[in-house]
């Protein structure tokens, strides 16, 4: 593994919104020819849902301004011993607040008591994403119009275990918002536009973020 510094990486601005990253691995002449990556910027708009993605704790689906429900197609890759469940719930804004009384204002925020139960109880109906270890599965569902939606992962469990009256059997639930996670750790990575990868182990386990990977496309 090479870390970026003046001895291993050289950045060259080519103009016209282009630049190269040139790497030197130290195995031969110091010519920065061991790996060269050319990058070209563009002004393409992000795809539907991805407007907020790329920021801190912003692995979200933004459908604000969309006036009708949106059909979504999901490809789910699982690579975990746990039998995980992934879904989405609607939030009031980028801070992850949940509206529990229907007035479109946040009534509960990440880290506050009852947040996990409110998120799972308010999950988008019909988007129940699962998969056995080393399998790929496809699902379809529909997001309501004009909202922001956050993913959540129930590690080795199902929503019923969170919503029943027995809190002693609650599995861990992980969110994009660190304050909502029991270990305060980041269990979610954005792997591309509308592509989410979760780590399902407490304290981020082996940090491979491939225990469940979900790719969304919208119809």
N, C-alpha and C. Protein backbone atom coordinates (compact mmCIF):
# COMPACT_ATOMS: atom_id res chain seq x y z
N UNK A 1 0.85 -1.19 0.00
CA UNK A 1 0.00 0.00 0.00
C UNK A 1 0.88 1.24 0.00
N UNK A 2 0.56 2.19 -0.87
CA UNK A 2 1.30 3.45 -0.95
C UNK A 2 0.41 4.59 -0.51
N UNK A 3 0.96 5.45 0.35
CA UNK A 3 0.25 6.65 0.75
C UNK A 3 0.75 7.83 -0.07
N UNK A 4 -0.13 8.78 -0.26
CA UNK A 4 0.19 9.90 -1.13
C UNK A 4 1.14 10.87 -0.43
N UNK A 5 2.32 11.08 -1.03
CA UNK A 5 3.21 12.17 -0.64
C UNK A 5 4.08 12.50 -1.86
N UNK A 6 5.00 13.43 -1.70
CA UNK A 6 5.78 13.90 -2.86
C UNK A 6 6.69 12.83 -3.43
N UNK A 7 7.01 11.80 -2.67
CA UNK A 7 7.90 10.74 -3.17
C UNK A 7 7.16 9.64 -3.90
N UNK A 8 5.84 9.57 -3.74
CA UNK A 8 5.09 8.47 -4.36
C UNK A 8 4.05 8.93 -5.38
N UNK A 9 3.63 10.19 -5.32
CA UNK A 9 2.57 10.63 -6.22
C UNK A 9 2.87 12.01 -6.77
N UNK A 10 2.58 12.17 -8.06
CA UNK A 10 2.74 13.48 -8.71
C UNK A 10 1.44 13.82 -9.43
N UNK A 11 0.96 15.02 -9.17
CA UNK A 11 -0.27 15.50 -9.80
C UNK A 11 0.09 16.54 -10.85
N UNK A 12 -0.43 16.35 -12.06
CA UNK A 12 -0.14 17.27 -13.16
C UNK A 12 -1.44 17.82 -13.71
N UNK A 13 -1.56 19.14 -13.73
CA UNK A 13 -2.73 19.80 -14.28
C UNK A 13 -2.55 19.93 -15.79
N UNK A 14 -3.44 19.32 -16.56
CA UNK A 14 -3.34 19.33 -18.01
C UNK A 14 -4.17 20.44 -18.65
N UNK A 15 -4.91 21.18 -17.82
CA UNK A 15 -5.79 22.20 -18.36
C UNK A 15 -7.09 21.59 -18.87
N UNK A 16 -8.05 22.44 -19.21
CA UNK A 16 -9.35 22.00 -19.72
C UNK A 16 -10.02 21.01 -18.78
N UNK A 17 -9.84 21.24 -17.47
CA UNK A 17 -10.46 20.42 -16.44
C UNK A 17 -9.98 18.97 -16.50
N UNK A 18 -8.69 18.79 -16.82
CA UNK A 18 -8.08 17.47 -16.85
C UNK A 18 -6.81 17.48 -15.99
N UNK A 19 -6.51 16.35 -15.37
CA UNK A 19 -5.24 16.21 -14.66
C UNK A 19 -4.88 14.74 -14.58
N UNK A 20 -3.61 14.47 -14.26
CA UNK A 20 -3.15 13.10 -14.09
C UNK A 20 -2.63 12.89 -12.68
N UNK A 21 -2.80 11.66 -12.20
CA UNK A 21 -2.16 11.19 -10.98
C UNK A 21 -1.14 10.15 -11.40
N UNK A 22 0.14 10.41 -11.13
CA UNK A 22 1.21 9.50 -11.50
C UNK A 22 1.86 8.95 -10.23
N UNK A 23 2.03 7.61 -10.18
CA UNK A 23 2.53 6.95 -8.98
C UNK A 23 3.91 6.35 -9.22
N UNK A 24 4.72 6.39 -8.17
CA UNK A 24 6.03 5.76 -8.15
C UNK A 24 6.05 4.75 -7.00
N UNK A 25 6.29 3.47 -7.34
CA UNK A 25 6.22 2.43 -6.32
C UNK A 25 7.57 2.12 -5.67
N UNK A 26 8.65 2.78 -6.14
CA UNK A 26 9.95 2.61 -5.50
C UNK A 26 10.70 1.37 -5.93
N UNK A 27 10.19 0.66 -6.91
CA UNK A 27 10.83 -0.59 -7.31
C UNK A 27 11.87 -0.42 -8.41
N UNK A 28 11.98 0.77 -8.98
CA UNK A 28 12.92 0.98 -10.10
C UNK A 28 13.30 2.44 -10.18
N UNK A 29 13.38 2.95 -11.41
CA UNK A 29 13.72 4.35 -11.60
C UNK A 29 12.60 5.23 -11.08
N UNK A 30 13.00 6.39 -10.62
CA UNK A 30 12.04 7.33 -10.01
C UNK A 30 11.39 8.18 -11.11
N UNK A 31 10.61 7.51 -11.99
CA UNK A 31 10.08 8.21 -13.16
C UNK A 31 8.57 8.44 -13.10
N UNK A 32 7.93 8.00 -12.02
CA UNK A 32 6.49 8.18 -11.85
C UNK A 32 5.70 7.64 -13.04
N UNK A 33 6.13 6.46 -13.51
CA UNK A 33 5.45 5.80 -14.62
C UNK A 33 4.84 4.46 -14.20
N UNK A 34 4.88 4.14 -12.92
CA UNK A 34 4.40 2.83 -12.48
C UNK A 34 2.88 2.71 -12.60
N UNK A 35 2.19 3.80 -12.39
CA UNK A 35 0.74 3.84 -12.60
C UNK A 35 0.34 5.28 -12.87
N UNK A 36 -0.35 5.50 -13.97
CA UNK A 36 -0.80 6.84 -14.32
C UNK A 36 -2.31 6.80 -14.54
N UNK A 37 -3.01 7.68 -13.87
CA UNK A 37 -4.45 7.79 -14.02
C UNK A 37 -4.78 9.18 -14.55
N UNK A 38 -5.49 9.23 -15.66
CA UNK A 38 -5.92 10.50 -16.23
C UNK A 38 -7.37 10.73 -15.88
N UNK A 39 -7.67 11.91 -15.38
CA UNK A 39 -9.02 12.24 -14.91
C UNK A 39 -9.55 13.43 -15.67
N UNK A 40 -10.75 13.31 -16.16
CA UNK A 40 -11.42 14.37 -16.91
C UNK A 40 -12.69 14.77 -16.17
N UNK A 41 -12.78 16.01 -15.79
CA UNK A 41 -13.99 16.49 -15.15
C UNK A 41 -15.11 16.67 -16.16
N UNK A 42 -16.35 16.69 -15.67
CA UNK A 42 -17.49 16.97 -16.54
C UNK A 42 -18.55 17.70 -15.75
N UNK A 43 -19.51 18.22 -16.46
CA UNK A 43 -20.57 19.00 -15.81
C UNK A 43 -21.91 18.27 -15.85
N UNK A 44 -21.86 16.95 -15.93
CA UNK A 44 -23.11 16.19 -15.93
C UNK A 44 -23.80 16.28 -14.58
N UNK A 45 -25.10 16.40 -14.62
CA UNK A 45 -25.88 16.43 -13.39
C UNK A 45 -25.91 15.03 -12.78
N UNK A 46 -25.97 14.93 -11.45
CA UNK A 46 -26.06 13.61 -10.83
C UNK A 46 -27.38 12.94 -11.21
N UNK A 47 -27.43 11.61 -11.22
CA UNK A 47 -28.67 10.92 -11.56
C UNK A 47 -29.73 11.16 -10.49
N UNK A 48 -30.95 10.83 -10.82
CA UNK A 48 -32.06 10.98 -9.89
C UNK A 48 -31.73 10.29 -8.57
N UNK A 49 -31.92 11.00 -7.48
CA UNK A 49 -31.72 10.45 -6.16
C UNK A 49 -30.37 10.76 -5.55
N UNK A 50 -29.38 11.14 -6.37
CA UNK A 50 -28.00 11.23 -5.89
C UNK A 50 -27.54 12.64 -5.56
N UNK A 51 -28.42 13.60 -5.53
CA UNK A 51 -28.02 15.00 -5.38
C UNK A 51 -27.23 15.26 -4.10
N UNK A 52 -27.61 14.62 -3.00
CA UNK A 52 -26.95 14.87 -1.72
C UNK A 52 -25.73 13.99 -1.50
N UNK A 53 -25.55 12.98 -2.30
CA UNK A 53 -24.53 11.97 -2.04
C UNK A 53 -23.13 12.54 -2.24
N UNK A 54 -22.20 12.04 -1.45
CA UNK A 54 -20.81 12.48 -1.52
C UNK A 54 -20.39 13.30 -0.32
N UNK A 55 -21.35 13.82 0.43
CA UNK A 55 -21.02 14.55 1.64
C UNK A 55 -20.88 13.63 2.84
N UNK A 56 -20.54 14.20 3.98
CA UNK A 56 -20.41 13.43 5.20
C UNK A 56 -21.78 12.96 5.68
N UNK A 57 -21.91 11.68 5.99
CA UNK A 57 -23.15 11.09 6.48
C UNK A 57 -24.32 11.44 5.54
N UNK A 58 -24.06 11.35 4.25
CA UNK A 58 -25.05 11.76 3.25
C UNK A 58 -25.32 10.65 2.25
N UNK A 59 -25.28 9.40 2.70
CA UNK A 59 -25.63 8.28 1.83
C UNK A 59 -27.15 8.18 1.79
N UNK A 60 -27.76 9.11 1.05
CA UNK A 60 -29.20 9.31 1.07
C UNK A 60 -29.76 9.29 -0.35
N UNK A 61 -31.07 9.11 -0.44
CA UNK A 61 -31.81 9.22 -1.69
C UNK A 61 -32.66 10.48 -1.63
N UNK A 62 -32.37 11.42 -2.51
CA UNK A 62 -33.05 12.71 -2.52
C UNK A 62 -34.05 12.76 -3.67
N UNK A 63 -35.32 12.66 -3.34
CA UNK A 63 -36.38 12.74 -4.35
C UNK A 63 -37.26 13.96 -4.14
N UNK A 64 -36.72 14.99 -3.51
CA UNK A 64 -37.48 16.22 -3.35
C UNK A 64 -37.78 16.84 -4.71
N UNK A 65 -38.99 17.33 -4.85
CA UNK A 65 -39.41 17.93 -6.11
C UNK A 65 -40.02 16.95 -7.08
N UNK A 66 -39.89 15.66 -6.83
CA UNK A 66 -40.52 14.65 -7.67
C UNK A 66 -41.98 14.53 -7.25
N UNK A 67 -42.90 14.69 -8.18
CA UNK A 67 -44.30 14.86 -7.79
C UNK A 67 -45.12 13.57 -7.79
N UNK A 68 -44.52 12.47 -8.24
CA UNK A 68 -45.23 11.19 -8.23
C UNK A 68 -44.32 10.13 -7.60
N UNK A 69 -44.89 9.06 -7.08
CA UNK A 69 -44.05 7.96 -6.57
C UNK A 69 -43.08 7.47 -7.64
N UNK A 70 -41.92 7.00 -7.20
CA UNK A 70 -40.86 6.61 -8.12
C UNK A 70 -40.58 5.12 -7.96
N UNK A 71 -40.69 4.37 -9.07
CA UNK A 71 -40.36 2.96 -9.04
C UNK A 71 -38.85 2.77 -9.02
N UNK A 72 -38.39 1.88 -8.16
CA UNK A 72 -36.96 1.61 -8.04
C UNK A 72 -36.68 0.14 -8.27
N UNK A 73 -35.55 -0.12 -8.93
CA UNK A 73 -35.05 -1.47 -9.11
C UNK A 73 -33.79 -1.62 -8.26
N UNK A 74 -33.65 -2.74 -7.57
CA UNK A 74 -32.55 -2.97 -6.67
C UNK A 74 -31.79 -4.24 -7.07
N UNK A 75 -30.48 -4.15 -7.10
CA UNK A 75 -29.62 -5.33 -7.20
C UNK A 75 -28.89 -5.45 -5.87
N UNK A 76 -29.06 -6.58 -5.20
CA UNK A 76 -28.52 -6.78 -3.86
C UNK A 76 -27.47 -7.90 -3.91
N UNK A 77 -26.25 -7.56 -3.54
CA UNK A 77 -25.18 -8.54 -3.40
C UNK A 77 -24.88 -8.74 -1.92
N UNK A 78 -24.89 -9.99 -1.48
CA UNK A 78 -24.62 -10.30 -0.08
C UNK A 78 -23.32 -11.09 0.04
N UNK A 79 -22.52 -10.73 1.03
CA UNK A 79 -21.25 -11.40 1.28
C UNK A 79 -21.01 -11.42 2.79
N UNK A 80 -21.90 -12.13 3.51
CA UNK A 80 -21.84 -12.10 4.97
C UNK A 80 -22.46 -13.36 5.54
N UNK A 81 -21.96 -13.75 6.71
CA UNK A 81 -22.56 -14.87 7.43
C UNK A 81 -23.89 -14.49 8.04
N UNK A 82 -24.06 -13.21 8.38
CA UNK A 82 -25.31 -12.74 8.96
C UNK A 82 -26.43 -12.75 7.93
N UNK A 83 -27.65 -12.96 8.42
CA UNK A 83 -28.86 -12.85 7.60
C UNK A 83 -29.41 -11.44 7.79
N UNK A 84 -28.95 -10.51 6.96
CA UNK A 84 -29.24 -9.10 7.15
C UNK A 84 -30.52 -8.66 6.43
N UNK A 85 -31.02 -7.51 6.86
CA UNK A 85 -32.20 -6.89 6.26
C UNK A 85 -31.87 -5.43 6.03
N UNK A 86 -32.15 -4.94 4.84
CA UNK A 86 -31.92 -3.53 4.52
C UNK A 86 -33.21 -2.91 4.02
N UNK A 87 -33.47 -1.70 4.46
CA UNK A 87 -34.64 -0.95 4.01
C UNK A 87 -34.33 0.53 3.98
N UNK A 88 -35.35 1.33 3.73
CA UNK A 88 -35.23 2.78 3.69
C UNK A 88 -36.36 3.41 4.50
N UNK A 89 -36.09 4.58 5.07
CA UNK A 89 -37.12 5.32 5.80
C UNK A 89 -37.01 6.80 5.42
N UNK A 90 -38.13 7.50 5.53
CA UNK A 90 -38.15 8.90 5.12
C UNK A 90 -37.66 9.79 6.25
N UNK A 91 -36.86 10.80 5.89
CA UNK A 91 -36.36 11.76 6.86
C UNK A 91 -36.76 13.17 6.42
N UNK A 92 -36.69 14.10 7.37
CA UNK A 92 -37.14 15.46 7.08
C UNK A 92 -36.06 16.33 6.48
N UNK A 93 -34.81 15.94 6.62
CA UNK A 93 -33.71 16.74 6.11
C UNK A 93 -32.40 15.99 6.23
N UNK A 94 -31.31 16.65 5.88
CA UNK A 94 -30.01 16.00 5.85
C UNK A 94 -29.50 15.61 7.24
N UNK A 95 -30.12 16.15 8.30
CA UNK A 95 -29.69 15.78 9.65
C UNK A 95 -30.32 14.48 10.13
N UNK A 96 -31.20 13.88 9.33
CA UNK A 96 -31.76 12.58 9.66
C UNK A 96 -32.98 12.59 10.55
N UNK A 97 -33.57 13.74 10.77
CA UNK A 97 -34.76 13.82 11.62
C UNK A 97 -35.93 13.03 11.04
N UNK A 98 -36.77 12.52 11.94
CA UNK A 98 -37.94 11.73 11.53
C UNK A 98 -39.19 12.45 11.99
N UNK A 99 -40.14 12.58 11.09
CA UNK A 99 -41.46 13.15 11.40
C UNK A 99 -42.38 12.02 11.85
N UNK A 100 -42.83 12.08 13.09
CA UNK A 100 -43.69 11.02 13.61
C UNK A 100 -45.15 11.42 13.71
N UNK A 101 -45.47 12.72 13.51
CA UNK A 101 -46.86 13.16 13.66
C UNK A 101 -47.46 13.71 12.38
N UNK A 102 -46.72 13.64 11.26
CA UNK A 102 -47.28 14.02 9.97
C UNK A 102 -47.24 15.49 9.63
N UNK A 103 -46.52 16.31 10.42
CA UNK A 103 -46.48 17.75 10.12
C UNK A 103 -45.26 18.15 9.30
N UNK A 104 -44.47 17.18 8.85
CA UNK A 104 -43.28 17.36 8.01
C UNK A 104 -42.12 18.01 8.76
N UNK A 105 -42.20 18.10 10.08
CA UNK A 105 -41.11 18.59 10.91
C UNK A 105 -40.51 17.44 11.70
N UNK A 106 -39.22 17.56 12.03
CA UNK A 106 -38.54 16.50 12.76
C UNK A 106 -39.03 16.44 14.21
N UNK A 107 -39.46 15.26 14.62
CA UNK A 107 -39.87 15.03 16.00
C UNK A 107 -38.83 14.25 16.79
N UNK A 108 -37.93 13.58 16.11
CA UNK A 108 -36.90 12.79 16.75
C UNK A 108 -35.66 12.78 15.88
N UNK A 109 -34.49 12.94 16.50
CA UNK A 109 -33.23 13.07 15.77
C UNK A 109 -32.32 11.89 16.06
N UNK A 110 -31.33 11.64 15.19
CA UNK A 110 -30.39 10.55 15.43
C UNK A 110 -29.75 10.66 16.80
N UNK A 111 -29.72 9.54 17.51
CA UNK A 111 -29.14 9.52 18.84
C UNK A 111 -30.13 9.69 19.96
N UNK A 112 -31.31 10.18 19.65
CA UNK A 112 -32.33 10.33 20.68
C UNK A 112 -33.05 9.00 20.92
N UNK A 113 -33.56 8.84 22.12
CA UNK A 113 -34.26 7.61 22.48
C UNK A 113 -35.42 7.35 21.53
N UNK A 114 -35.52 6.12 21.06
CA UNK A 114 -36.62 5.74 20.18
C UNK A 114 -36.36 5.96 18.72
N UNK A 115 -35.16 6.48 18.36
CA UNK A 115 -34.90 6.77 16.94
C UNK A 115 -34.93 5.50 16.10
N UNK A 116 -34.27 4.45 16.59
CA UNK A 116 -34.22 3.21 15.82
C UNK A 116 -35.61 2.66 15.56
N UNK A 117 -36.45 2.64 16.61
CA UNK A 117 -37.80 2.12 16.46
C UNK A 117 -38.61 2.98 15.49
N UNK A 118 -38.45 4.30 15.56
CA UNK A 118 -39.20 5.19 14.67
C UNK A 118 -38.79 4.98 13.22
N UNK A 119 -37.49 4.79 12.99
CA UNK A 119 -37.01 4.57 11.61
C UNK A 119 -37.55 3.27 11.05
N UNK A 120 -37.44 2.20 11.83
CA UNK A 120 -37.89 0.89 11.34
C UNK A 120 -39.41 0.87 11.18
N UNK A 121 -40.11 1.49 12.12
CA UNK A 121 -41.57 1.52 12.03
C UNK A 121 -42.02 2.33 10.82
N UNK A 122 -41.28 3.36 10.46
CA UNK A 122 -41.65 4.22 9.35
C UNK A 122 -40.98 3.85 8.03
N UNK A 123 -40.45 2.65 7.94
CA UNK A 123 -39.74 2.26 6.72
C UNK A 123 -40.67 2.26 5.52
N UNK A 124 -40.10 2.43 4.34
CA UNK A 124 -40.88 2.43 3.11
C UNK A 124 -41.43 1.02 2.88
N UNK A 125 -42.73 0.94 2.81
CA UNK A 125 -43.39 -0.36 2.66
C UNK A 125 -43.04 -0.98 1.31
N UNK A 126 -42.71 -2.25 1.33
CA UNK A 126 -42.46 -2.98 0.09
C UNK A 126 -41.01 -3.00 -0.35
N UNK A 127 -40.13 -2.27 0.38
CA UNK A 127 -38.71 -2.33 0.07
C UNK A 127 -38.03 -3.10 1.19
N UNK A 128 -37.99 -4.41 1.06
CA UNK A 128 -37.44 -5.32 2.05
C UNK A 128 -36.32 -6.10 1.39
N UNK A 129 -35.08 -5.65 1.58
CA UNK A 129 -33.95 -6.17 0.83
C UNK A 129 -33.16 -7.16 1.68
N UNK A 130 -33.01 -8.38 1.17
CA UNK A 130 -32.29 -9.44 1.88
C UNK A 130 -31.49 -10.24 0.86
N UNK A 131 -30.67 -11.15 1.36
CA UNK A 131 -29.92 -12.03 0.47
C UNK A 131 -29.04 -12.98 1.24
N UNK A 132 -29.01 -14.22 0.82
CA UNK A 132 -28.13 -15.19 1.43
C UNK A 132 -26.69 -14.91 1.05
N UNK A 133 -25.77 -15.46 1.85
CA UNK A 133 -24.35 -15.25 1.63
C UNK A 133 -23.94 -15.66 0.21
N UNK A 134 -23.16 -14.79 -0.43
CA UNK A 134 -22.62 -15.02 -1.78
C UNK A 134 -23.71 -15.22 -2.82
N UNK A 135 -24.75 -14.40 -2.72
CA UNK A 135 -25.81 -14.42 -3.73
C UNK A 135 -26.06 -13.02 -4.25
N UNK A 136 -26.67 -12.96 -5.42
CA UNK A 136 -27.14 -11.70 -6.01
C UNK A 136 -28.63 -11.83 -6.24
N UNK A 137 -29.39 -10.84 -5.77
CA UNK A 137 -30.85 -10.88 -5.89
C UNK A 137 -31.36 -9.55 -6.41
N UNK A 138 -32.49 -9.58 -7.08
CA UNK A 138 -33.11 -8.36 -7.59
C UNK A 138 -34.47 -8.16 -6.94
N UNK A 139 -34.80 -6.89 -6.71
CA UNK A 139 -36.06 -6.50 -6.09
C UNK A 139 -36.60 -5.26 -6.81
N UNK A 140 -37.87 -5.03 -6.67
CA UNK A 140 -38.47 -3.77 -7.12
C UNK A 140 -39.29 -3.19 -5.97
N UNK A 141 -39.45 -1.91 -5.99
CA UNK A 141 -40.25 -1.23 -4.98
C UNK A 141 -40.57 0.17 -5.45
N UNK A 142 -41.17 0.96 -4.58
CA UNK A 142 -41.57 2.31 -4.95
C UNK A 142 -41.35 3.25 -3.78
N UNK A 143 -40.70 4.38 -4.07
CA UNK A 143 -40.53 5.43 -3.07
C UNK A 143 -41.66 6.45 -3.20
N UNK A 144 -42.18 6.96 -2.09
CA UNK A 144 -43.16 8.03 -2.17
C UNK A 144 -42.56 9.28 -2.83
N UNK A 145 -43.41 10.14 -3.32
CA UNK A 145 -42.97 11.37 -3.98
C UNK A 145 -42.42 12.37 -2.96
N UNK A 146 -41.53 13.23 -3.45
CA UNK A 146 -41.11 14.45 -2.75
C UNK A 146 -40.59 14.20 -1.34
N UNK A 147 -39.49 13.44 -1.23
CA UNK A 147 -38.93 13.20 0.08
C UNK A 147 -37.46 12.84 0.01
N UNK A 148 -36.83 12.77 1.19
CA UNK A 148 -35.46 12.28 1.33
C UNK A 148 -35.54 10.96 2.09
N UNK A 149 -34.77 9.98 1.66
CA UNK A 149 -34.85 8.65 2.24
C UNK A 149 -33.45 8.17 2.62
N UNK A 150 -33.37 7.57 3.79
CA UNK A 150 -32.10 7.06 4.30
C UNK A 150 -32.16 5.54 4.38
N UNK A 151 -31.06 4.86 4.07
CA UNK A 151 -31.02 3.40 4.22
C UNK A 151 -30.72 3.01 5.67
N UNK A 152 -31.13 1.82 6.04
CA UNK A 152 -30.74 1.26 7.32
C UNK A 152 -30.50 -0.24 7.15
N UNK A 153 -29.66 -0.78 8.02
CA UNK A 153 -29.35 -2.20 7.99
C UNK A 153 -29.65 -2.80 9.35
N UNK A 154 -30.46 -3.86 9.37
CA UNK A 154 -30.65 -4.65 10.58
C UNK A 154 -29.70 -5.84 10.47
N UNK A 155 -28.72 -5.90 11.38
CA UNK A 155 -27.70 -6.93 11.32
C UNK A 155 -28.22 -8.23 11.91
N UNK A 156 -28.33 -9.23 11.04
CA UNK A 156 -28.75 -10.57 11.47
C UNK A 156 -30.12 -10.54 12.16
N UNK A 157 -31.06 -9.84 11.55
CA UNK A 157 -32.39 -9.75 12.16
C UNK A 157 -33.41 -9.19 11.18
N UNK A 158 -34.61 -9.01 11.69
CA UNK A 158 -35.73 -8.52 10.91
C UNK A 158 -36.46 -7.42 11.68
N UNK A 159 -37.28 -6.62 11.01
CA UNK A 159 -37.97 -5.53 11.69
C UNK A 159 -38.80 -5.97 12.90
N UNK A 160 -39.41 -7.14 12.85
CA UNK A 160 -40.25 -7.58 13.96
C UNK A 160 -39.49 -7.62 15.27
N UNK A 161 -38.20 -7.96 15.22
CA UNK A 161 -37.41 -8.03 16.45
C UNK A 161 -37.20 -6.64 17.06
N UNK A 162 -37.21 -5.61 16.23
CA UNK A 162 -37.06 -4.24 16.72
C UNK A 162 -38.37 -3.70 17.27
N UNK A 163 -39.47 -4.10 16.67
CA UNK A 163 -40.76 -3.49 16.97
C UNK A 163 -41.59 -4.26 17.98
N UNK A 164 -41.11 -5.43 18.42
CA UNK A 164 -41.88 -6.16 19.43
C UNK A 164 -41.65 -5.55 20.81
N UNK A 165 -42.28 -6.11 21.81
CA UNK A 165 -42.20 -5.55 23.16
C UNK A 165 -41.01 -6.06 23.96
N UNK A 166 -40.19 -6.90 23.34
CA UNK A 166 -39.05 -7.49 24.03
C UNK A 166 -37.76 -6.85 23.52
N UNK A 167 -37.24 -5.88 24.25
CA UNK A 167 -36.05 -5.17 23.80
C UNK A 167 -34.78 -6.00 23.97
N UNK A 168 -34.86 -7.11 24.71
CA UNK A 168 -33.67 -7.92 24.95
C UNK A 168 -33.23 -8.69 23.70
N UNK A 169 -34.10 -8.80 22.70
CA UNK A 169 -33.74 -9.55 21.50
C UNK A 169 -33.44 -8.64 20.31
N UNK A 170 -33.25 -7.34 20.57
CA UNK A 170 -33.05 -6.39 19.48
C UNK A 170 -31.68 -6.59 18.82
N UNK A 171 -31.64 -6.84 17.52
CA UNK A 171 -30.36 -6.86 16.81
C UNK A 171 -29.84 -5.43 16.61
N UNK A 172 -28.59 -5.31 16.23
CA UNK A 172 -28.02 -3.99 15.94
C UNK A 172 -28.62 -3.44 14.65
N UNK A 173 -28.85 -2.14 14.63
CA UNK A 173 -29.34 -1.45 13.44
C UNK A 173 -28.37 -0.31 13.13
N UNK A 174 -27.97 -0.20 11.87
CA UNK A 174 -26.98 0.80 11.49
C UNK A 174 -27.56 1.75 10.45
N UNK A 175 -27.17 3.03 10.59
CA UNK A 175 -27.70 4.13 9.79
C UNK A 175 -26.54 4.94 9.19
N UNK A 176 -26.84 5.83 8.22
CA UNK A 176 -25.80 6.74 7.74
C UNK A 176 -25.32 7.71 8.82
N UNK A 177 -26.18 7.97 9.81
CA UNK A 177 -25.91 8.97 10.83
C UNK A 177 -25.21 8.32 12.02
N UNK A 178 -23.97 8.72 12.27
CA UNK A 178 -23.15 8.06 13.28
C UNK A 178 -23.80 8.14 14.66
N UNK A 179 -24.47 9.23 14.95
CA UNK A 179 -25.10 9.38 16.25
C UNK A 179 -26.19 8.37 16.52
N UNK A 180 -26.74 7.78 15.47
CA UNK A 180 -27.81 6.79 15.63
C UNK A 180 -27.27 5.39 15.83
N UNK A 181 -25.97 5.17 15.60
CA UNK A 181 -25.39 3.84 15.70
C UNK A 181 -24.89 3.59 17.12
N UNK A 182 -25.14 2.41 17.63
CA UNK A 182 -24.81 2.11 19.02
C UNK A 182 -23.32 2.24 19.31
N UNK A 183 -22.47 2.01 18.29
CA UNK A 183 -21.03 2.13 18.48
C UNK A 183 -20.48 3.45 17.96
N UNK A 184 -21.37 4.34 17.49
CA UNK A 184 -20.99 5.65 16.95
C UNK A 184 -20.02 5.54 15.76
N UNK A 185 -20.00 4.39 15.12
CA UNK A 185 -19.07 4.16 14.01
C UNK A 185 -19.80 4.28 12.67
N UNK A 186 -19.01 4.44 11.61
CA UNK A 186 -19.55 4.59 10.26
C UNK A 186 -19.64 3.22 9.60
N UNK A 187 -20.84 2.72 9.42
CA UNK A 187 -21.05 1.38 8.87
C UNK A 187 -21.46 1.40 7.40
N UNK A 188 -21.44 2.55 6.76
CA UNK A 188 -21.98 2.67 5.40
C UNK A 188 -21.01 3.43 4.52
N UNK A 189 -20.83 2.93 3.30
CA UNK A 189 -20.01 3.61 2.31
C UNK A 189 -20.82 3.83 1.04
N UNK A 190 -20.61 4.97 0.43
CA UNK A 190 -21.16 5.24 -0.90
C UNK A 190 -20.15 4.71 -1.91
N UNK A 191 -20.55 3.71 -2.69
CA UNK A 191 -19.66 3.05 -3.64
C UNK A 191 -19.83 3.56 -5.06
N UNK A 192 -20.73 4.49 -5.26
CA UNK A 192 -21.05 5.07 -6.56
C UNK A 192 -22.39 5.74 -6.44
N UNK A 193 -22.85 6.38 -7.49
CA UNK A 193 -24.17 7.01 -7.46
C UNK A 193 -25.24 5.97 -7.14
N UNK A 194 -25.95 6.17 -6.04
CA UNK A 194 -27.05 5.28 -5.63
C UNK A 194 -26.58 3.84 -5.40
N UNK A 195 -25.34 3.68 -4.94
CA UNK A 195 -24.80 2.36 -4.59
C UNK A 195 -24.30 2.42 -3.15
N UNK A 196 -24.84 1.58 -2.29
CA UNK A 196 -24.54 1.62 -0.86
C UNK A 196 -23.94 0.29 -0.41
N UNK A 197 -22.86 0.36 0.37
CA UNK A 197 -22.23 -0.83 0.92
C UNK A 197 -22.20 -0.75 2.44
N UNK A 198 -22.72 -1.78 3.12
CA UNK A 198 -22.79 -1.80 4.58
C UNK A 198 -21.79 -2.78 5.16
N UNK A 199 -21.27 -2.42 6.34
CA UNK A 199 -20.50 -3.32 7.20
C UNK A 199 -21.40 -3.70 8.38
N UNK A 200 -21.59 -5.01 8.61
CA UNK A 200 -22.61 -5.45 9.56
C UNK A 200 -22.08 -5.81 10.94
N UNK A 201 -20.77 -5.67 11.19
CA UNK A 201 -20.21 -6.05 12.48
C UNK A 201 -20.00 -4.84 13.38
N UNK A 202 -20.20 -5.03 14.68
CA UNK A 202 -20.01 -3.96 15.67
C UNK A 202 -18.57 -3.42 15.57
N UNK A 203 -18.45 -2.10 15.73
CA UNK A 203 -17.15 -1.41 15.61
C UNK A 203 -16.53 -1.62 14.23
N UNK A 204 -17.35 -1.84 13.24
CA UNK A 204 -17.02 -1.87 11.82
C UNK A 204 -16.22 -3.11 11.41
N UNK A 205 -16.11 -4.09 12.28
CA UNK A 205 -15.60 -5.40 11.91
C UNK A 205 -14.36 -5.37 11.04
N UNK A 206 -14.44 -6.05 9.88
CA UNK A 206 -13.28 -6.12 8.98
C UNK A 206 -13.25 -4.96 7.98
N UNK A 207 -14.21 -4.07 8.04
CA UNK A 207 -14.23 -2.84 7.24
C UNK A 207 -14.18 -3.10 5.74
N UNK A 208 -14.84 -4.18 5.30
CA UNK A 208 -14.87 -4.42 3.86
C UNK A 208 -16.10 -3.79 3.19
N UNK A 209 -17.11 -3.45 3.97
CA UNK A 209 -18.30 -2.75 3.48
C UNK A 209 -18.94 -3.45 2.28
N UNK A 210 -18.89 -4.78 2.31
CA UNK A 210 -19.54 -5.54 1.24
C UNK A 210 -20.49 -6.59 1.80
N UNK A 211 -20.82 -6.49 3.09
CA UNK A 211 -21.71 -7.49 3.68
C UNK A 211 -23.07 -7.47 2.99
N UNK A 212 -23.52 -6.28 2.63
CA UNK A 212 -24.64 -6.17 1.71
C UNK A 212 -24.41 -4.91 0.88
N UNK A 213 -24.44 -5.06 -0.43
CA UNK A 213 -24.29 -3.94 -1.36
C UNK A 213 -25.56 -3.81 -2.16
N UNK A 214 -26.10 -2.61 -2.19
CA UNK A 214 -27.37 -2.37 -2.89
C UNK A 214 -27.14 -1.29 -3.94
N UNK A 215 -27.50 -1.62 -5.17
CA UNK A 215 -27.45 -0.68 -6.29
C UNK A 215 -28.89 -0.35 -6.72
N UNK A 216 -29.21 0.96 -6.77
CA UNK A 216 -30.55 1.39 -7.16
C UNK A 216 -30.53 2.00 -8.55
N UNK A 217 -31.54 1.70 -9.31
CA UNK A 217 -31.84 2.44 -10.53
C UNK A 217 -33.32 2.78 -10.51
N UNK A 218 -33.65 3.92 -11.09
CA UNK A 218 -35.03 4.39 -11.04
C UNK A 218 -35.67 4.32 -12.43
N UNK A 219 -36.92 3.91 -12.44
CA UNK A 219 -37.69 3.87 -13.68
C UNK A 219 -38.37 5.22 -13.87
